[in-house]
Amino acid sequence: MANFNLNKVIMGGRLTADPELKQTPSGVSVSTFSIAVNRRYSSKDSSQQTQADFFNVTAWRATAEFVSKYFRKGSSICVIGSLQNRTWTDQQGVKHYATDIIADEVNFVDSRSDSQSAQASYTPDAYTSPSFSSDNASAPKFEELQTDDDLPF
């Protein structure tokens, strides 16, 4: 693997505040938000402890608009994207570093009813969970094979 480069992150957590949607001067949508992800660890006395880590996320274009429209503070979210490092120097000459997640994809985690009970204003019109039924007439019918002799491999 001489030239192997991989930058992929999958995070699941809860939004710490409502996403902030802005437009670049050229009209491109960008949304920034932060998610809290719980991490478990064993303390010195061997008891299980939980601590939250906070990650900054940036979403662009349609993903930014989707996040801003459907997610609110406290919403569970799954973010798939990549890590990006930033550096800048402030007015006092101090150099700062930050690592952000650049979201390529975001997904709902809560069921629709859980989200609505937690937040009455959260009403996704583009998301509906599929319904499956064992007596569904459109479900594919499978034929039982009597022996393995009929298999082509």
C-alpha atoms as a PDB file:
ATOM      1  CA  MET A   1       0.000   0.000   0.000  1.00  0.00           C
ATOM      2  CA  ALA A   2       2.463   2.577  -1.133  1.00  0.00           C
ATOM      3  CA  ASN A   3      -0.065   5.310  -1.916  1.00  0.00           C
ATOM      4  CA  PHE A   4      -2.931   4.494   0.420  1.00  0.00           C
ATOM      5  CA  ASN A   5      -4.897   7.524   1.632  1.00  0.00           C
ATOM      6  CA  LEU A   6      -8.159   7.190   3.518  1.00  0.00           C
ATOM      7  CA  ASN A   7     -10.061   9.904   5.355  1.00  0.00           C
ATOM      8  CA  LYS A   8     -13.488   8.630   6.394  1.00  0.00           C
ATOM      9  CA  VAL A   9     -15.388   9.215   9.618  1.00  0.00           C
ATOM     10  CA  ILE A  10     -18.768   7.986  10.830  1.00  0.00           C
ATOM     11  CA  MET A  11     -20.140   9.708  13.929  1.00  0.00           C
ATOM     12  CA  GLY A  12     -23.417   9.308  15.726  1.00  0.00           C
ATOM     13  CA  GLY A  13     -24.540  11.695  18.428  1.00  0.00           C
ATOM     14  CA  ARG A  14     -26.882  14.528  19.325  1.00  0.00           C
ATOM     15  CA  LEU A  15     -26.842  18.124  18.132  1.00  0.00           C
ATOM     16  CA  THR A  16     -25.731  20.528  20.865  1.00  0.00           C
ATOM     17  CA  ALA A  17     -27.570  23.479  19.271  1.00  0.00           C
ATOM     18  CA  ASP A  18     -29.715  24.242  16.235  1.00  0.00           C
ATOM     19  CA  PRO A  19     -27.701  24.111  12.991  1.00  0.00           C
ATOM     20  CA  GLU A  20     -26.624  27.504  11.671  1.00  0.00           C
ATOM     21  CA  LEU A  21     -27.325  27.970   7.945  1.00  0.00           C
ATOM     22  CA  LYS A  22     -25.438  30.648   6.001  1.00  0.00           C
ATOM     23  CA  GLN A  23     -24.734  31.489   2.376  1.00  0.00           C
ATOM     24  CA  THR A  24     -21.316  32.158   0.876  1.00  0.00           C
ATOM     25  CA  PRO A  25     -20.985  35.359  -1.197  1.00  0.00           C
ATOM     26  CA  SER A  26     -21.513  33.197  -4.308  1.00  0.00           C
ATOM     27  CA  GLY A  27     -24.762  31.767  -2.870  1.00  0.00           C
ATOM     28  CA  VAL A  28     -23.575  28.324  -1.736  1.00  0.00           C
ATOM     29  CA  SER A  29     -25.345  27.030   1.395  1.00  0.00           C
ATOM     30  CA  VAL A  30     -23.180  26.049   4.360  1.00  0.00           C
ATOM     31  CA  SER A  31     -24.405  24.768   7.709  1.00  0.00           C
ATOM     32  CA  THR A  32     -22.313  24.415  10.839  1.00  0.00           C
ATOM     33  CA  PHE A  33     -23.294  22.490  13.923  1.00  0.00           C
ATOM     34  CA  SER A  34     -21.777  20.534  16.759  1.00  0.00           C
ATOM     35  CA  ILE A  35     -22.567  17.018  17.929  1.00  0.00           C
ATOM     36  CA  ALA A  36     -21.985  15.421  21.305  1.00  0.00           C
ATOM     37  CA  VAL A  37     -20.851  11.792  21.258  1.00  0.00           C
ATOM     38  CA  ASN A  38     -20.693   9.784  24.470  1.00  0.00           C
ATOM     39  CA  ARG A  39     -17.499   7.837  25.177  1.00  0.00           C
ATOM     40  CA  ARG A  40     -17.297   5.133  27.836  1.00  0.00           C
ATOM     41  CA  TYR A  41     -14.202   4.385  29.835  1.00  0.00           C
ATOM     42  CA  SER A  42     -13.154   2.621  33.035  1.00  0.00           C
ATOM     43  CA  SER A  43     -12.078   4.839  35.908  1.00  0.00           C
ATOM     44  CA  LYS A  44      -9.305   4.044  38.376  1.00  0.00           C
ATOM     45  CA  ASP A  45     -11.780   2.202  40.619  1.00  0.00           C
ATOM     46  CA  SER A  46     -12.873   0.058  37.595  1.00  0.00           C
ATOM     47  CA  SER A  47     -16.333   1.636  37.407  1.00  0.00           C
ATOM     48  CA  GLN A  48     -17.759   2.485  33.994  1.00  0.00           C
ATOM     49  CA  GLN A  49     -17.873   6.217  33.302  1.00  0.00           C
ATOM     50  CA  THR A  50     -19.325   8.194  30.409  1.00  0.00           C
ATOM     51  CA  GLN A  51     -17.925  11.418  29.041  1.00  0.00           C
ATOM     52  CA  ALA A  52     -19.140  13.469  26.078  1.00  0.00           C
ATOM     53  CA  ASP A  53     -16.814  14.518  23.282  1.00  0.00           C
ATOM     54  CA  PHE A  54     -17.889  17.426  21.080  1.00  0.00           C
ATOM     55  CA  PHE A  55     -17.229  17.569  17.345  1.00  0.00           C
ATOM     56  CA  ASN A  56     -17.744  20.487  14.957  1.00  0.00           C
ATOM     57  CA  VAL A  57     -19.416  19.581  11.661  1.00  0.00           C
ATOM     58  CA  THR A  58     -19.702  21.535   8.421  1.00  0.00           C
ATOM     59  CA  ALA A  59     -22.168  20.584   5.691  1.00  0.00           C
ATOM     60  CA  TRP A  60     -22.334  22.148   2.239  1.00  0.00           C
ATOM     61  CA  ARG A  61     -25.025  22.728  -0.403  1.00  0.00           C
ATOM     62  CA  ALA A  62     -28.070  20.394  -0.313  1.00  0.00           C
ATOM     63  CA  THR A  63     -26.739  18.563   2.753  1.00  0.00           C
ATOM     64  CA  ALA A  64     -26.511  21.894   4.603  1.00  0.00           C
ATOM     65  CA  GLU A  65     -30.086  22.778   3.704  1.00  0.00           C
ATOM     66  CA  PHE A  66     -31.309  19.287   4.689  1.00  0.00           C
ATOM     67  CA  VAL A  67     -29.648  19.478   8.123  1.00  0.00           C
ATOM     68  CA  SER A  68     -30.961  22.978   8.795  1.00  0.00           C
ATOM     69  CA  LYS A  69     -34.481  22.035   7.757  1.00  0.00           C
ATOM     70  CA  TYR A  70     -34.903  18.744   9.625  1.00  0.00           C
ATOM     71  CA  PHE A  71     -32.581  18.745  12.657  1.00  0.00           C
ATOM     72  CA  ARG A  72     -32.747  20.737  15.879  1.00  0.00           C
ATOM     73  CA  LYS A  73     -30.898  20.867  19.179  1.00  0.00           C
ATOM     74  CA  GLY A  74     -31.044  17.415  20.793  1.00  0.00           C
ATOM     75  CA  SER A  75     -31.775  15.552  17.536  1.00  0.00           C
ATOM     76  CA  SER A  76     -29.930  12.287  17.069  1.00  0.00           C
ATOM     77  CA  ILE A  77     -27.880  12.302  13.887  1.00  0.00           C
ATOM     78  CA  CYS A  78     -25.437  10.091  12.015  1.00  0.00           C
ATOM     79  CA  VAL A  79     -22.776  11.994  10.072  1.00  0.00           C
ATOM     80  CA  ILE A  80     -20.601  10.384   7.409  1.00  0.00           C
ATOM     81  CA  GLY A  81     -17.757  12.441   6.037  1.00  0.00           C
ATOM     82  CA  SER A  82     -14.087  13.264   6.370  1.00  0.00           C
ATOM     83  CA  LEU A  83     -11.816  15.120   8.778  1.00  0.00           C
ATOM     84  CA  GLN A  84     -10.308  18.454   7.831  1.00  0.00           C
ATOM     85  CA  ASN A  85      -7.662  20.411   9.748  1.00  0.00           C
ATOM     86  CA  ARG A  86      -7.662  24.218   9.820  1.00  0.00           C
ATOM     87  CA  THR A  87      -5.103  26.664  11.141  1.00  0.00           C
ATOM     88  CA  TRP A  88      -5.291  30.436  11.537  1.00  0.00           C
ATOM     89  CA  THR A  89      -3.476  33.185  13.357  1.00  0.00           C
ATOM     90  CA  ASP A  90      -5.516  35.631  15.430  1.00  0.00           C
ATOM     91  CA  GLN A  91      -4.882  39.397  15.761  1.00  0.00           C
ATOM     92  CA  GLN A  92      -2.561  38.813  18.726  1.00  0.00           C
ATOM     93  CA  GLY A  93      -0.365  36.506  16.620  1.00  0.00           C
ATOM     94  CA  VAL A  94      -1.501  33.293  18.346  1.00  0.00           C
ATOM     95  CA  LYS A  95      -1.797  30.327  16.008  1.00  0.00           C
ATOM     96  CA  HIS A  96      -4.987  28.238  16.408  1.00  0.00           C
ATOM     97  CA  TYR A  97      -5.773  24.720  15.213  1.00  0.00           C
ATOM     98  CA  ALA A  98      -9.132  23.052  14.645  1.00  0.00           C
ATOM     99  CA  THR A  99     -10.287  19.732  13.264  1.00  0.00           C
ATOM    100  CA  ASP A 100     -13.753  19.602  11.725  1.00  0.00           C
ATOM    101  CA  ILE A 101     -15.889  16.899  10.207  1.00  0.00           C
ATOM    102  CA  ILE A 102     -16.942  17.775   6.660  1.00  0.00           C
ATOM    103  CA  ALA A 103     -20.274  16.006   6.194  1.00  0.00           C
ATOM    104  CA  ASP A 104     -20.835  14.154   2.944  1.00  0.00           C
ATOM    105  CA  GLU A 105     -24.009  12.496   4.226  1.00  0.00           C
ATOM    106  CA  VAL A 106     -26.310  12.869   7.233  1.00  0.00           C
ATOM    107  CA  ASN A 107     -28.962  10.435   8.382  1.00  0.00           C
ATOM    108  CA  PHE A 108     -31.845  10.330  10.818  1.00  0.00           C
ATOM    109  CA  VAL A 109     -31.304   8.114  13.861  1.00  0.00           C
ATOM    110  CA  ASP A 110     -34.511   8.617  15.853  1.00  0.00           C
ATOM    111  CA  SER A 111     -37.704   7.098  14.592  1.00  0.00           C
ATOM    112  CA  ARG A 112     -40.183   9.635  13.326  1.00  0.00           C
ATOM    113  CA  SER A 113     -42.469   9.237  16.355  1.00  0.00           C
ATOM    114  CA  ASP A 114     -39.540   9.588  18.793  1.00  0.00           C
ATOM    115  CA  SER A 115     -38.438  12.789  17.096  1.00  0.00           C
ATOM    116  CA  GLN A 116     -41.916  14.279  17.081  1.00  0.00           C
ATOM    117  CA  SER A 117     -42.503  13.540  20.743  1.00  0.00           C
ATOM    118  CA  ALA A 118     -39.158  15.080  21.654  1.00  0.00           C
ATOM    119  CA  GLN A 119     -39.610  18.089  19.361  1.00  0.00           C
ATOM    120  CA  ALA A 120     -43.032  19.099  18.161  1.00  0.00           C
ATOM    121  CA  SER A 121     -41.610  21.373  15.437  1.00  0.00           C
ATOM    122  CA  TYR A 122     -39.676  18.558  13.733  1.00  0.00           C
ATOM    123  CA  THR A 123     -41.854  17.393  10.849  1.00  0.00           C
ATOM    124  CA  PRO A 124     -39.891  15.889   7.970  1.00  0.00           C
ATOM    125  CA  ASP A 125     -41.960  15.827   4.803  1.00  0.00           C
ATOM    126  CA  ALA A 126     -39.299  14.118   2.686  1.00  0.00           C
ATOM    127  CA  TYR A 127     -38.734  11.209   5.069  1.00  0.00           C
ATOM    128  CA  THR A 128     -41.188   8.395   5.555  1.00  0.00           C
ATOM    129  CA  SER A 129     -40.298   5.036   6.937  1.00  0.00           C
ATOM    130  CA  PRO A 130     -41.226   2.090   4.718  1.00  0.00           C
ATOM    131  CA  SER A 131     -43.987  -0.219   5.832  1.00  0.00           C
ATOM    132  CA  PHE A 132     -43.642  -3.942   5.337  1.00  0.00           C
ATOM    133  CA  SER A 133     -46.280  -6.597   5.738  1.00  0.00           C
ATOM    134  CA  SER A 134     -46.104 -10.374   5.449  1.00  0.00           C
ATOM    135  CA  ASP A 135     -49.318 -10.427   3.448  1.00  0.00           C
ATOM    136  CA  ASN A 136     -48.142  -7.743   1.022  1.00  0.00           C
ATOM    137  CA  ALA A 137     -49.312  -8.730  -2.466  1.00  0.00           C
ATOM    138  CA  SER A 138     -46.415  -6.890  -4.120  1.00  0.00           C
ATOM    139  CA  ALA A 139     -43.787  -8.787  -2.133  1.00  0.00           C
ATOM    140  CA  PRO A 140     -41.595 -11.033  -4.309  1.00  0.00           C
ATOM    141  CA  LYS A 141     -42.421 -14.737  -4.286  1.00  0.00           C
ATOM    142  CA  PHE A 142     -39.529 -17.132  -3.809  1.00  0.00           C
ATOM    143  CA  GLU A 143     -39.436 -20.661  -5.090  1.00  0.00           C
ATOM    144  CA  GLU A 144     -38.212 -23.393  -2.757  1.00  0.00           C
ATOM    145  CA  LEU A 145     -35.471 -25.641  -4.172  1.00  0.00           C
ATOM    146  CA  GLN A 146     -35.837 -29.295  -3.310  1.00  0.00           C
ATOM    147  CA  THR A 147     -32.146 -30.231  -3.579  1.00  0.00           C
ATOM    148  CA  ASP A 148     -28.810 -28.540  -3.975  1.00  0.00           C
ATOM    149  CA  ASP A 149     -28.362 -30.318  -7.336  1.00  0.00           C
ATOM    150  CA  ASP A 150     -30.298 -27.560  -9.101  1.00  0.00           C
ATOM    151  CA  LEU A 151     -27.818 -24.850  -8.038  1.00  0.00           C
ATOM    152  CA  PRO A 152     -25.595 -23.537 -10.866  1.00  0.00           C
ATOM    153  CA  PHE A 153     -22.420 -23.446  -8.740  1.00  0.00           C
END
